Amino acid sequence: MNFDTLSVREEMILLAIISLQPDAYAFAIKKAIKDEVDLALSLGTIHTILYRLENRGLLKSELGGSSDKRGGRSKRLFIVTSRGREIVDQIQSARQQLWSNISPQNLSIE
């Protein structure tokens, strides 16, 4: 299997975007990761990772409509590209294969 490497945070962000589509924007991603895995990432960290993933072609973004709630500003919405989806699918498959080879006795701590 040949796939791009992702950090755990990059993988979490890609998965959060997939689960949030079509409304995946930085604050919603931050909240989803905090709620689901209890990991508090700053918006700055999330933005850095989002733009890095976009530069790698794993995400694309577009501006959504503006809202009065945001002072007339638009949200930047993120969508996982087919390449990004392919990579998370490959990672999931690799993880499942590795986990399937672990017996319960191997999980015991001495």
PDB file of N, CA and C in Angstrom:
ATOM      1  N   MET A   1       0.849  -1.175   0.000  1.00  0.00           N
ATOM      2  CA  MET A   1       0.000   0.000   0.000  1.00  0.00           C
ATOM      3  C   MET A   1       0.892   1.235   0.000  1.00  0.00           C
ATOM      4  N   ASN A   2       0.630   2.129  -0.880  1.00  0.00           N
ATOM      5  CA  ASN A   2       1.418   3.347  -0.979  1.00  0.00           C
ATOM      6  C   ASN A   2       0.499   4.538  -0.761  1.00  0.00           C
ATOM      7  N   PHE A   3       0.664   5.227   0.371  1.00  0.00           N
ATOM      8  CA  PHE A   3      -0.168   6.395   0.618  1.00  0.00           C
ATOM      9  C   PHE A   3       0.643   7.492   1.272  1.00  0.00           C
ATOM     10  N   ASP A   4       0.135   8.708   1.114  1.00  0.00           N
ATOM     11  CA  ASP A   4       0.765   9.849   1.766  1.00  0.00           C
ATOM     12  C   ASP A   4       0.634   9.700   3.272  1.00  0.00           C
ATOM     13  N   THR A   5       1.603  10.211   3.988  1.00  0.00           N
ATOM     14  CA  THR A   5       1.503  10.182   5.440  1.00  0.00           C
ATOM     15  C   THR A   5       0.759  11.413   5.916  1.00  0.00           C
ATOM     16  N   LEU A   6       0.023  11.227   6.965  1.00  0.00           N
ATOM     17  CA  LEU A   6      -0.699  12.320   7.610  1.00  0.00           C
ATOM     18  C   LEU A   6      -0.391  12.263   9.096  1.00  0.00           C
ATOM     19  N   SER A   7      -0.334  13.421   9.715  1.00  0.00           N
ATOM     20  CA  SER A   7      -0.239  13.425  11.171  1.00  0.00           C
ATOM     21  C   SER A   7      -1.609  13.045  11.722  1.00  0.00           C
ATOM     22  N   VAL A   8      -1.643  12.683  12.977  1.00  0.00           N
ATOM     23  CA  VAL A   8      -2.922  12.334  13.610  1.00  0.00           C
ATOM     24  C   VAL A   8      -3.873  13.524  13.545  1.00  0.00           C
ATOM     25  N   ARG A   9      -3.358  14.719  13.776  1.00  0.00           N
ATOM     26  CA  ARG A   9      -4.216  15.914  13.716  1.00  0.00           C
ATOM     27  C   ARG A   9      -4.757  16.145  12.313  1.00  0.00           C
ATOM     28  N   GLU A  10      -3.920  15.950  11.298  1.00  0.00           N
ATOM     29  CA  GLU A  10      -4.386  16.098   9.916  1.00  0.00           C
ATOM     30  C   GLU A  10      -5.494  15.090   9.612  1.00  0.00           C
ATOM     31  N   GLU A  11      -5.282  13.867  10.052  1.00  0.00           N
ATOM     32  CA  GLU A  11      -6.290  12.825   9.832  1.00  0.00           C
ATOM     33  C   GLU A  11      -7.596  13.188  10.532  1.00  0.00           C
ATOM     34  N   MET A  12      -7.520  13.643  11.782  1.00  0.00           N
ATOM     35  CA  MET A  12      -8.724  14.027  12.519  1.00  0.00           C
ATOM     36  C   MET A  12      -9.470  15.157  11.813  1.00  0.00           C
ATOM     37  N   ILE A  13      -8.732  16.114  11.309  1.00  0.00           N
ATOM     38  CA  ILE A  13      -9.369  17.235  10.618  1.00  0.00           C
ATOM     39  C   ILE A  13     -10.044  16.766   9.344  1.00  0.00           C
ATOM     40  N   LEU A  14      -9.394  15.912   8.571  1.00  0.00           N
ATOM     41  CA  LEU A  14     -10.032  15.375   7.365  1.00  0.00           C
ATOM     42  C   LEU A  14     -11.312  14.615   7.713  1.00  0.00           C
ATOM     43  N   LEU A  15     -11.254  13.788   8.745  1.00  0.00           N
ATOM     44  CA  LEU A  15     -12.437  13.029   9.154  1.00  0.00           C
ATOM     45  C   LEU A  15     -13.550  13.945   9.663  1.00  0.00           C
ATOM     46  N   ALA A  16     -13.177  14.987  10.402  1.00  0.00           N
ATOM     47  CA  ALA A  16     -14.189  15.942  10.879  1.00  0.00           C
ATOM     48  C   ALA A  16     -14.854  16.647   9.700  1.00  0.00           C
ATOM     49  N   ILE A  17     -14.079  17.016   8.699  1.00  0.00           N
ATOM     50  CA  ILE A  17     -14.639  17.688   7.524  1.00  0.00           C
ATOM     51  C   ILE A  17     -15.620  16.761   6.811  1.00  0.00           C
ATOM     52  N   ILE A  18     -15.249  15.495   6.645  1.00  0.00           N
ATOM     53  CA  ILE A  18     -16.143  14.539   5.991  1.00  0.00           C
ATOM     54  C   ILE A  18     -17.455  14.438   6.761  1.00  0.00           C
ATOM     55  N   SER A  19     -17.363  14.380   8.084  1.00  0.00           N
ATOM     56  CA  SER A  19     -18.585  14.236   8.888  1.00  0.00           C
ATOM     57  C   SER A  19     -19.425  15.504   8.911  1.00  0.00           C
ATOM     58  N   LEU A  20     -18.807  16.658   8.740  1.00  0.00           N
ATOM     59  CA  LEU A  20     -19.529  17.934   8.811  1.00  0.00           C
ATOM     60  C   LEU A  20     -20.079  18.417   7.475  1.00  0.00           C
ATOM     61  N   GLN A  21     -19.616  17.844   6.373  1.00  0.00           N
ATOM     62  CA  GLN A  21     -20.033  18.359   5.065  1.00  0.00           C
ATOM     63  C   GLN A  21     -21.542  18.406   4.977  1.00  0.00           C
ATOM     64  N   PRO A  22     -22.101  19.454   4.422  1.00  0.00           N
ATOM     65  CA  PRO A  22     -21.470  20.519   3.640  1.00  0.00           C
ATOM     66  C   PRO A  22     -21.115  21.768   4.451  1.00  0.00           C
ATOM     67  N   ASP A  23     -21.162  21.683   5.786  1.00  0.00           N
ATOM     68  CA  ASP A  23     -20.948  22.870   6.604  1.00  0.00           C
ATOM     69  C   ASP A  23     -19.662  22.773   7.418  1.00  0.00           C
ATOM     70  N   ALA A  24     -18.562  22.414   6.761  1.00  0.00           N
ATOM     71  CA  ALA A  24     -17.284  22.251   7.452  1.00  0.00           C
ATOM     72  C   ALA A  24     -16.469  23.533   7.347  1.00  0.00           C
ATOM     73  N   TYR A  25     -16.455  24.294   8.419  1.00  0.00           N
ATOM     74  CA  TYR A  25     -15.632  25.504   8.507  1.00  0.00           C
ATOM     75  C   TYR A  25     -14.826  25.412   9.797  1.00  0.00           C
ATOM     76  N   ALA A  26     -13.824  26.250   9.954  1.00  0.00           N
ATOM     77  CA  ALA A  26     -12.825  26.082  11.014  1.00  0.00           C
ATOM     78  C   ALA A  26     -13.425  25.914  12.407  1.00  0.00           C
ATOM     79  N   PHE A  27     -14.363  26.775  12.792  1.00  0.00           N
ATOM     80  CA  PHE A  27     -14.907  26.676  14.147  1.00  0.00           C
ATOM     81  C   PHE A  27     -15.696  25.389  14.338  1.00  0.00           C
ATOM     82  N   ALA A  28     -16.459  24.969  13.327  1.00  0.00           N
ATOM     83  CA  ALA A  28     -17.218  23.715  13.420  1.00  0.00           C
ATOM     84  C   ALA A  28     -16.266  22.521  13.518  1.00  0.00           C
ATOM     85  N   ILE A  29     -15.157  22.573  12.797  1.00  0.00           N
ATOM     86  CA  ILE A  29     -14.148  21.506  12.864  1.00  0.00           C
ATOM     87  C   ILE A  29     -13.551  21.454  14.266  1.00  0.00           C
ATOM     88  N   LYS A  30     -13.203  22.604  14.805  1.00  0.00           N
ATOM     89  CA  LYS A  30     -12.653  22.705  16.168  1.00  0.00           C
ATOM     90  C   LYS A  30     -13.613  22.085  17.177  1.00  0.00           C
ATOM     91  N   LYS A  31     -14.885  22.439  17.070  1.00  0.00           N
ATOM     92  CA  LYS A  31     -15.907  21.940  17.994  1.00  0.00           C
ATOM     93  C   LYS A  31     -16.094  20.425  17.841  1.00  0.00           C
ATOM     94  N   ALA A  32     -16.135  19.938  16.612  1.00  0.00           N
ATOM     95  CA  ALA A  32     -16.330  18.501  16.379  1.00  0.00           C
ATOM     96  C   ALA A  32     -15.192  17.687  16.988  1.00  0.00           C
ATOM     97  N   ILE A  33     -13.966  18.150  16.822  1.00  0.00           N
ATOM     98  CA  ILE A  33     -12.816  17.426  17.368  1.00  0.00           C
ATOM     99  C   ILE A  33     -12.833  17.471  18.894  1.00  0.00           C
ATOM    100  N   LYS A  34     -13.184  18.602  19.457  1.00  0.00           N
ATOM    101  CA  LYS A  34     -13.281  18.715  20.922  1.00  0.00           C
ATOM    102  C   LYS A  34     -14.384  17.804  21.450  1.00  0.00           C
ATOM    103  N   ASP A  35     -15.553  17.831  20.802  1.00  0.00           N
ATOM    104  CA  ASP A  35     -16.687  17.030  21.260  1.00  0.00           C
ATOM    105  C   ASP A  35     -16.462  15.531  21.093  1.00  0.00           C
ATOM    106  N   GLU A  36     -15.855  15.125  19.988  1.00  0.00           N
ATOM    107  CA  GLU A  36     -15.722  13.709  19.676  1.00  0.00           C
ATOM    108  C   GLU A  36     -14.518  13.034  20.321  1.00  0.00           C
ATOM    109  N   VAL A  37     -13.387  13.714  20.378  1.00  0.00           N
ATOM    110  CA  VAL A  37     -12.171  13.070  20.910  1.00  0.00           C
ATOM    111  C   VAL A  37     -11.542  13.845  22.065  1.00  0.00           C
ATOM    112  N   ASP A  38     -12.231  14.879  22.512  1.00  0.00           N
ATOM    113  CA  ASP A  38     -11.775  15.687  23.646  1.00  0.00           C
ATOM    114  C   ASP A  38     -10.365  16.238  23.447  1.00  0.00           C
ATOM    115  N   LEU A  39     -10.109  16.695  22.220  1.00  0.00           N
ATOM    116  CA  LEU A  39      -8.833  17.329  21.910  1.00  0.00           C
ATOM    117  C   LEU A  39      -9.105  18.785  21.566  1.00  0.00           C
ATOM    118  N   ALA A  40      -8.542  19.675  22.358  1.00  0.00           N
ATOM    119  CA  ALA A  40      -8.748  21.105  22.143  1.00  0.00           C
ATOM    120  C   ALA A  40      -7.620  21.662  21.272  1.00  0.00           C
ATOM    121  N   LEU A  41      -7.955  21.990  20.037  1.00  0.00           N
ATOM    122  CA  LEU A  41      -6.994  22.622  19.123  1.00  0.00           C
ATOM    123  C   LEU A  41      -7.374  24.081  18.974  1.00  0.00           C
ATOM    124  N   SER A  42      -6.376  24.939  18.880  1.00  0.00           N
ATOM    125  CA  SER A  42      -6.674  26.359  18.659  1.00  0.00           C
ATOM    126  C   SER A  42      -7.111  26.569  17.218  1.00  0.00           C
ATOM    127  N   LEU A  43      -7.838  27.648  16.994  1.00  0.00           N
ATOM    128  CA  LEU A  43      -8.233  27.960  15.620  1.00  0.00           C
ATOM    129  C   LEU A  43      -7.013  28.206  14.743  1.00  0.00           C
ATOM    130  N   GLY A  44      -5.958  28.771  15.314  1.00  0.00           N
ATOM    131  CA  GLY A  44      -4.732  28.986  14.553  1.00  0.00           C
ATOM    132  C   GLY A  44      -4.125  27.675  14.068  1.00  0.00           C
ATOM    133  N   THR A  45      -4.103  26.681  14.950  1.00  0.00           N
ATOM    134  CA  THR A  45      -3.595  25.364  14.580  1.00  0.00           C
ATOM    135  C   THR A  45      -4.462  24.752  13.489  1.00  0.00           C
ATOM    136  N   ILE A  46      -5.765  24.854  13.652  1.00  0.00           N
ATOM    137  CA  ILE A  46      -6.687  24.296  12.664  1.00  0.00           C
ATOM    138  C   ILE A  46      -6.499  24.977  11.316  1.00  0.00           C
ATOM    139  N   HIS A  47      -6.415  26.300  11.308  1.00  0.00           N
ATOM    140  CA  HIS A  47      -6.213  27.016  10.037  1.00  0.00           C
ATOM    141  C   HIS A  47      -4.904  26.604   9.371  1.00  0.00           C
ATOM    142  N   THR A  48      -3.838  26.486  10.142  1.00  0.00           N
ATOM    143  CA  THR A  48      -2.545  26.076   9.590  1.00  0.00           C
ATOM    144  C   THR A  48      -2.661  24.713   8.918  1.00  0.00           C
ATOM    145  N   ILE A  49      -3.304  23.768   9.601  1.00  0.00           N
ATOM    146  CA  ILE A  49      -3.461  22.425   9.041  1.00  0.00           C
ATOM    147  C   ILE A  49      -4.375  22.449   7.825  1.00  0.00           C
ATOM    148  N   LEU A  50      -5.465  23.203   7.894  1.00  0.00           N
ATOM    149  CA  LEU A  50      -6.387  23.279   6.755  1.00  0.00           C
ATOM    150  C   LEU A  50      -5.674  23.777   5.506  1.00  0.00           C
ATOM    151  N   TYR A  51      -4.898  24.836   5.628  1.00  0.00           N
ATOM    152  CA  TYR A  51      -4.228  25.382   4.448  1.00  0.00           C
ATOM    153  C   TYR A  51      -3.108  24.464   3.965  1.00  0.00           C
ATOM    154  N   ARG A  52      -2.453  23.764   4.892  1.00  0.00           N
ATOM    155  CA  ARG A  52      -1.436  22.793   4.489  1.00  0.00           C
ATOM    156  C   ARG A  52      -2.083  21.647   3.697  1.00  0.00           C
ATOM    157  N   LEU A  53      -3.219  21.145   4.171  1.00  0.00           N
ATOM    158  CA  LEU A  53      -3.928  20.080   3.462  1.00  0.00           C
ATOM    159  C   LEU A  53      -4.455  20.552   2.119  1.00  0.00           C
ATOM    160  N   GLU A  54      -4.879  21.798   2.070  1.00  0.00           N
ATOM    161  CA  GLU A  54      -5.355  22.354   0.798  1.00  0.00           C
ATOM    162  C   GLU A  54      -4.204  22.477  -0.194  1.00  0.00           C
ATOM    163  N   ASN A  55      -3.047  22.912   0.274  1.00  0.00           N
ATOM    164  CA  ASN A  55      -1.871  23.016  -0.597  1.00  0.00           C
ATOM    165  C   ASN A  55      -1.420  21.659  -1.116  1.00  0.00           C
ATOM    166  N   ARG A  56      -1.680  20.604  -0.353  1.00  0.00           N
ATOM    167  CA  ARG A  56      -1.327  19.244  -0.777  1.00  0.00           C
ATOM    168  C   ARG A  56      -2.387  18.632  -1.688  1.00  0.00           C
ATOM    169  N   GLY A  57      -3.483  19.348  -1.900  1.00  0.00           N
ATOM    170  CA  GLY A  57      -4.533  18.858  -2.784  1.00  0.00           C
ATOM    171  C   GLY A  57      -5.507  17.900  -2.128  1.00  0.00           C
ATOM    172  N   LEU A  58      -5.513  17.853  -0.808  1.00  0.00           N
ATOM    173  CA  LEU A  58      -6.394  16.946  -0.090  1.00  0.00           C
ATOM    174  C   LEU A  58      -7.716  17.604   0.288  1.00  0.00           C
ATOM    175  N   LEU A  59      -7.741  18.914   0.213  1.00  0.00           N
ATOM    176  CA  LEU A  59      -8.935  19.712   0.498  1.00  0.00           C
ATOM    177  C   LEU A  59      -9.081  20.774  -0.566  1.00  0.00           C
ATOM    178  N   LYS A  60     -10.297  21.265  -0.700  1.00  0.00           N
ATOM    179  CA  LYS A  60     -10.512  22.502  -1.432  1.00  0.00           C
ATOM    180  C   LYS A  60     -11.452  23.338  -0.593  1.00  0.00           C
ATOM    181  N   SER A  61     -11.442  24.628  -0.831  1.00  0.00           N
ATOM    182  CA  SER A  61     -12.284  25.508  -0.030  1.00  0.00           C
ATOM    183  C   SER A  61     -12.977  26.527  -0.915  1.00  0.00           C
ATOM    184  N   GLU A  62     -14.046  27.054  -0.363  1.00  0.00           N
ATOM    185  CA  GLU A  62     -14.787  28.110  -1.047  1.00  0.00           C
ATOM    186  C   GLU A  62     -15.447  28.961   0.020  1.00  0.00           C
ATOM    187  N   LEU A  63     -15.748  30.186  -0.341  1.00  0.00           N
ATOM    188  CA  LEU A  63     -16.432  31.062   0.597  1.00  0.00           C
ATOM    189  C   LEU A  63     -17.920  30.782   0.550  1.00  0.00           C
ATOM    190  N   GLY A  64     -18.508  30.631   1.730  1.00  0.00           N
ATOM    191  CA  GLY A  64     -19.953  30.472   1.835  1.00  0.00           C
ATOM    192  C   GLY A  64     -20.602  31.853   1.861  1.00  0.00           C
ATOM    193  N   GLY A  65     -21.888  31.875   2.043  1.00  0.00           N
ATOM    194  CA  GLY A  65     -22.603  33.148   2.107  1.00  0.00           C
ATOM    195  C   GLY A  65     -22.253  33.921   3.363  1.00  0.00           C
ATOM    196  N   SER A  66     -22.421  35.223   3.302  1.00  0.00           N
ATOM    197  CA  SER A  66     -22.153  36.052   4.472  1.00  0.00           C
ATOM    198  C   SER A  66     -23.366  36.016   5.395  1.00  0.00           C
ATOM    199  N   SER A  67     -23.136  36.362   6.661  1.00  0.00           N
ATOM    200  CA  SER A  67     -24.240  36.386   7.613  1.00  0.00           C
ATOM    201  C   SER A  67     -24.091  37.577   8.540  1.00  0.00           C
ATOM    202  N   ASP A  68     -25.219  38.065   8.999  1.00  0.00           N
ATOM    203  CA  ASP A  68     -25.207  39.171   9.959  1.00  0.00           C
ATOM    204  C   ASP A  68     -24.561  38.735  11.271  1.00  0.00           C
ATOM    205  N   LYS A  69     -24.743  37.463  11.599  1.00  0.00           N
ATOM    206  CA  LYS A  69     -24.179  36.914  12.832  1.00  0.00           C
ATOM    207  C   LYS A  69     -22.659  37.044  12.852  1.00  0.00           C
ATOM    208  N   ARG A  70     -22.035  37.009  11.693  1.00  0.00           N
ATOM    209  CA  ARG A  70     -20.577  37.114  11.571  1.00  0.00           C
ATOM    210  C   ARG A  70     -20.152  38.499  11.108  1.00  0.00           C
ATOM    211  N   GLY A  71     -21.015  39.482  11.292  1.00  0.00           N
ATOM    212  CA  GLY A  71     -20.682  40.849  10.894  1.00  0.00           C
ATOM    213  C   GLY A  71     -20.561  41.014   9.391  1.00  0.00           C
ATOM    214  N   GLY A  72     -21.319  40.219   8.640  1.00  0.00           N
ATOM    215  CA  GLY A  72     -21.291  40.308   7.187  1.00  0.00           C
ATOM    216  C   GLY A  72     -20.173  39.507   6.530  1.00  0.00           C
ATOM    217  N   ARG A  73     -19.342  38.859   7.340  1.00  0.00           N
ATOM    218  CA  ARG A  73     -18.240  38.070   6.780  1.00  0.00           C
ATOM    219  C   ARG A  73     -18.729  36.694   6.354  1.00  0.00           C
ATOM    220  N   SER A  74     -18.036  36.124   5.383  1.00  0.00           N
ATOM    221  CA  SER A  74     -18.355  34.783   4.898  1.00  0.00           C
ATOM    222  C   SER A  74     -17.513  33.742   5.622  1.00  0.00           C
ATOM    223  N   LYS A  75     -18.050  32.537   5.729  1.00  0.00           N
ATOM    224  CA  LYS A  75     -17.286  31.407   6.258  1.00  0.00           C
ATOM    225  C   LYS A  75     -16.530  30.769   5.103  1.00  0.00           C
ATOM    226  N   ARG A  76     -15.316  30.298   5.369  1.00  0.00           N
ATOM    227  CA  ARG A  76     -14.584  29.503   4.390  1.00  0.00           C
ATOM    228  C   ARG A  76     -14.942  28.049   4.654  1.00  0.00           C
ATOM    229  N   LEU A  77     -15.603  27.433   3.681  1.00  0.00           N
ATOM    230  CA  LEU A  77     -16.045  26.057   3.800  1.00  0.00           C
ATOM    231  C   LEU A  77     -15.033  25.129   3.153  1.00  0.00           C
ATOM    232  N   PHE A  78     -14.794  23.996   3.779  1.00  0.00           N
ATOM    233  CA  PHE A  78     -13.799  23.042   3.295  1.00  0.00           C
ATOM    234  C   PHE A  78     -14.463  21.748   2.854  1.00  0.00           C
ATOM    235  N   ILE A  79     -13.943  21.179   1.777  1.00  0.00           N
ATOM    236  CA  ILE A  79     -14.442  19.932   1.208  1.00  0.00           C
ATOM    237  C   ILE A  79     -13.237  19.032   0.957  1.00  0.00           C
ATOM    238  N   VAL A  80     -13.352  17.784   1.343  1.00  0.00           N
ATOM    239  CA  VAL A  80     -12.276  16.823   1.101  1.00  0.00           C
ATOM    240  C   VAL A  80     -12.315  16.420  -0.373  1.00  0.00           C
ATOM    241  N   THR A  81     -11.163  16.469  -1.026  1.00  0.00           N
ATOM    242  CA  THR A  81     -11.080  16.074  -2.436  1.00  0.00           C
ATOM    243  C   THR A  81     -11.092  14.547  -2.545  1.00  0.00           C
ATOM    244  N   SER A  82     -11.213  14.056  -3.760  1.00  0.00           N
ATOM    245  CA  SER A  82     -11.186  12.606  -3.952  1.00  0.00           C
ATOM    246  C   SER A  82      -9.847  12.029  -3.496  1.00  0.00           C
ATOM    247  N   ARG A  83      -8.758  12.761  -3.712  1.00  0.00           N
ATOM    248  CA  ARG A  83      -7.434  12.306  -3.245  1.00  0.00           C
ATOM    249  C   ARG A  83      -7.389  12.260  -1.718  1.00  0.00           C
ATOM    250  N   GLY A  84      -7.949  13.258  -1.068  1.00  0.00           N
ATOM    251  CA  GLY A  84      -8.006  13.268   0.394  1.00  0.00           C
ATOM    252  C   GLY A  84      -8.816  12.108   0.925  1.00  0.00           C
ATOM    253  N   ARG A  85      -9.940  11.832   0.283  1.00  0.00           N
ATOM    254  CA  ARG A  85     -10.797  10.712   0.698  1.00  0.00           C
ATOM    255  C   ARG A  85     -10.076   9.381   0.489  1.00  0.00           C
ATOM    256  N   GLU A  86      -9.355   9.277  -0.614  1.00  0.00           N
ATOM    257  CA  GLU A  86      -8.587   8.059  -0.905  1.00  0.00           C
ATOM    258  C   GLU A  86      -7.554   7.798   0.190  1.00  0.00           C
ATOM    259  N   ILE A  87      -6.892   8.851   0.637  1.00  0.00           N
ATOM    260  CA  ILE A  87      -5.861   8.698   1.674  1.00  0.00           C
ATOM    261  C   ILE A  87      -6.477   8.274   2.996  1.00  0.00           C
ATOM    262  N   VAL A  88      -7.596   8.894   3.412  1.00  0.00           N
ATOM    263  CA  VAL A  88      -8.201   8.465   4.680  1.00  0.00           C
ATOM    264  C   VAL A  88      -8.737   7.045   4.585  1.00  0.00           C
ATOM    265  N   ASP A  89      -9.233   6.656   3.435  1.00  0.00           N
ATOM    266  CA  ASP A  89      -9.687   5.272   3.251  1.00  0.00           C
ATOM    267  C   ASP A  89      -8.511   4.294   3.364  1.00  0.00           C
ATOM    268  N   GLN A  90      -7.370   4.647   2.773  1.00  0.00           N
ATOM    269  CA  GLN A  90      -6.187   3.792   2.853  1.00  0.00           C
ATOM    270  C   GLN A  90      -5.685   3.679   4.288  1.00  0.00           C
ATOM    271  N   ILE A  91      -5.700   4.791   5.012  1.00  0.00           N
ATOM    272  CA  ILE A  91      -5.261   4.774   6.409  1.00  0.00           C
ATOM    273  C   ILE A  91      -6.203   3.902   7.235  1.00  0.00           C
ATOM    274  N   GLN A  92      -7.502   4.050   7.018  1.00  0.00           N
ATOM    275  CA  GLN A  92      -8.470   3.234   7.753  1.00  0.00           C
ATOM    276  C   GLN A  92      -8.238   1.746   7.476  1.00  0.00           C
ATOM    277  N   SER A  93      -8.032   1.400   6.231  1.00  0.00           N
ATOM    278  CA  SER A  93      -7.788   0.006   5.857  1.00  0.00           C
ATOM    279  C   SER A  93      -6.518  -0.529   6.512  1.00  0.00           C
ATOM    280  N   ALA A  94      -5.453   0.261   6.495  1.00  0.00           N
ATOM    281  CA  ALA A  94      -4.191  -0.158   7.108  1.00  0.00           C
ATOM    282  C   ALA A  94      -4.355  -0.336   8.611  1.00  0.00           C
ATOM    283  N   ARG A  95      -5.054   0.591   9.249  1.00  0.00           N
ATOM    284  CA  ARG A  95      -5.269   0.473  10.699  1.00  0.00           C
ATOM    285  C   ARG A  95      -6.093  -0.777  11.024  1.00  0.00           C
ATOM    286  N   GLN A  96      -7.148  -1.007  10.253  1.00  0.00           N
ATOM    287  CA  GLN A  96      -7.978  -2.192  10.492  1.00  0.00           C
ATOM    288  C   GLN A  96      -7.172  -3.473  10.324  1.00  0.00           C
ATOM    289  N   GLN A  97      -6.324  -3.514   9.318  1.00  0.00           N
ATOM    290  CA  GLN A  97      -5.487  -4.699   9.100  1.00  0.00           C
ATOM    291  C   GLN A  97      -4.551  -4.928  10.279  1.00  0.00           C
ATOM    292  N   LEU A  98      -3.919  -3.862  10.743  1.00  0.00           N
ATOM    293  CA  LEU A  98      -3.016  -3.995  11.886  1.00  0.00           C
ATOM    294  C   LEU A  98      -3.765  -4.427  13.146  1.00  0.00           C
ATOM    295  N   TRP A  99      -4.921  -3.821  13.407  1.00  0.00           N
ATOM    296  CA  TRP A  99      -5.705  -4.186  14.591  1.00  0.00           C
ATOM    297  C   TRP A  99      -6.194  -5.630  14.507  1.00  0.00           C
ATOM    298  N   SER A 100      -6.510  -6.106  13.315  1.00  0.00           N
ATOM    299  CA  SER A 100      -7.025  -7.472  13.180  1.00  0.00           C
ATOM    300  C   SER A 100      -5.970  -8.517  13.541  1.00  0.00           C
ATOM    301  N   ASN A 101      -4.712  -8.133  13.532  1.00  0.00           N
ATOM    302  CA  ASN A 101      -3.628  -9.053  13.871  1.00  0.00           C
ATOM    303  C   ASN A 101      -3.269  -9.048  15.356  1.00  0.00           C
ATOM    304  N   ILE A 102      -3.963  -8.249  16.142  1.00  0.00           N
ATOM    305  CA  ILE A 102      -3.659  -8.154  17.579  1.00  0.00           C
ATOM    306  C   ILE A 102      -4.666  -9.016  18.340  1.00  0.00           C
ATOM    307  N   SER A 103      -4.130  -9.946  19.098  1.00  0.00           N
ATOM    308  CA  SER A 103      -4.995 -10.797  19.920  1.00  0.00           C
ATOM    309  C   SER A 103      -5.236 -10.118  21.257  1.00  0.00           C
ATOM    310  N   PRO A 104      -6.315 -10.499  21.956  1.00  0.00           N
ATOM    311  CA  PRO A 104      -6.605  -9.885  23.261  1.00  0.00           C
ATOM    312  C   PRO A 104      -5.452 -10.005  24.263  1.00  0.00           C
ATOM    313  N   GLN A 105      -4.736 -11.139  24.234  1.00  0.00           N
ATOM    314  CA  GLN A 105      -3.633 -11.284  25.181  1.00  0.00           C
ATOM    315  C   GLN A 105      -2.475 -10.329  24.874  1.00  0.00           C
ATOM    316  N   ASN A 106      -2.341  -9.898  23.605  1.00  0.00           N
ATOM    317  CA  ASN A 106      -1.310  -8.923  23.258  1.00  0.00           C
ATOM    318  C   ASN A 106      -1.633  -7.539  23.799  1.00  0.00           C
ATOM    319  N   LEU A 107      -2.882  -7.306  24.144  1.00  0.00           N
ATOM    320  CA  LEU A 107      -3.294  -6.002  24.645  1.00  0.00           C
ATOM    321  C   LEU A 107      -3.112  -5.866  26.156  1.00  0.00           C
ATOM    322  N   SER A 108      -2.844  -6.964  26.824  1.00  0.00           N
ATOM    323  CA  SER A 108      -2.686  -6.892  28.282  1.00  0.00           C
ATOM    324  C   SER A 108      -1.396  -6.174  28.627  1.00  0.00           C
ATOM    325  N   ILE A 109      -1.448  -5.455  29.694  1.00  0.00           N
ATOM    326  CA  ILE A 109      -0.295  -4.680  30.161  1.00  0.00           C
ATOM    327  C   ILE A 109       0.348  -5.421  31.318  1.00  0.00           C
ATOM    328  N   GLU A 110       1.640  -5.531  31.268  1.00  0.00           N
ATOM    329  CA  GLU A 110       2.361  -6.245  32.353  1.00  0.00           C
ATOM    330  C   GLU A 110       2.835  -5.282  33.384  1.00  0.00           C
TER     331      GLU A 110
END
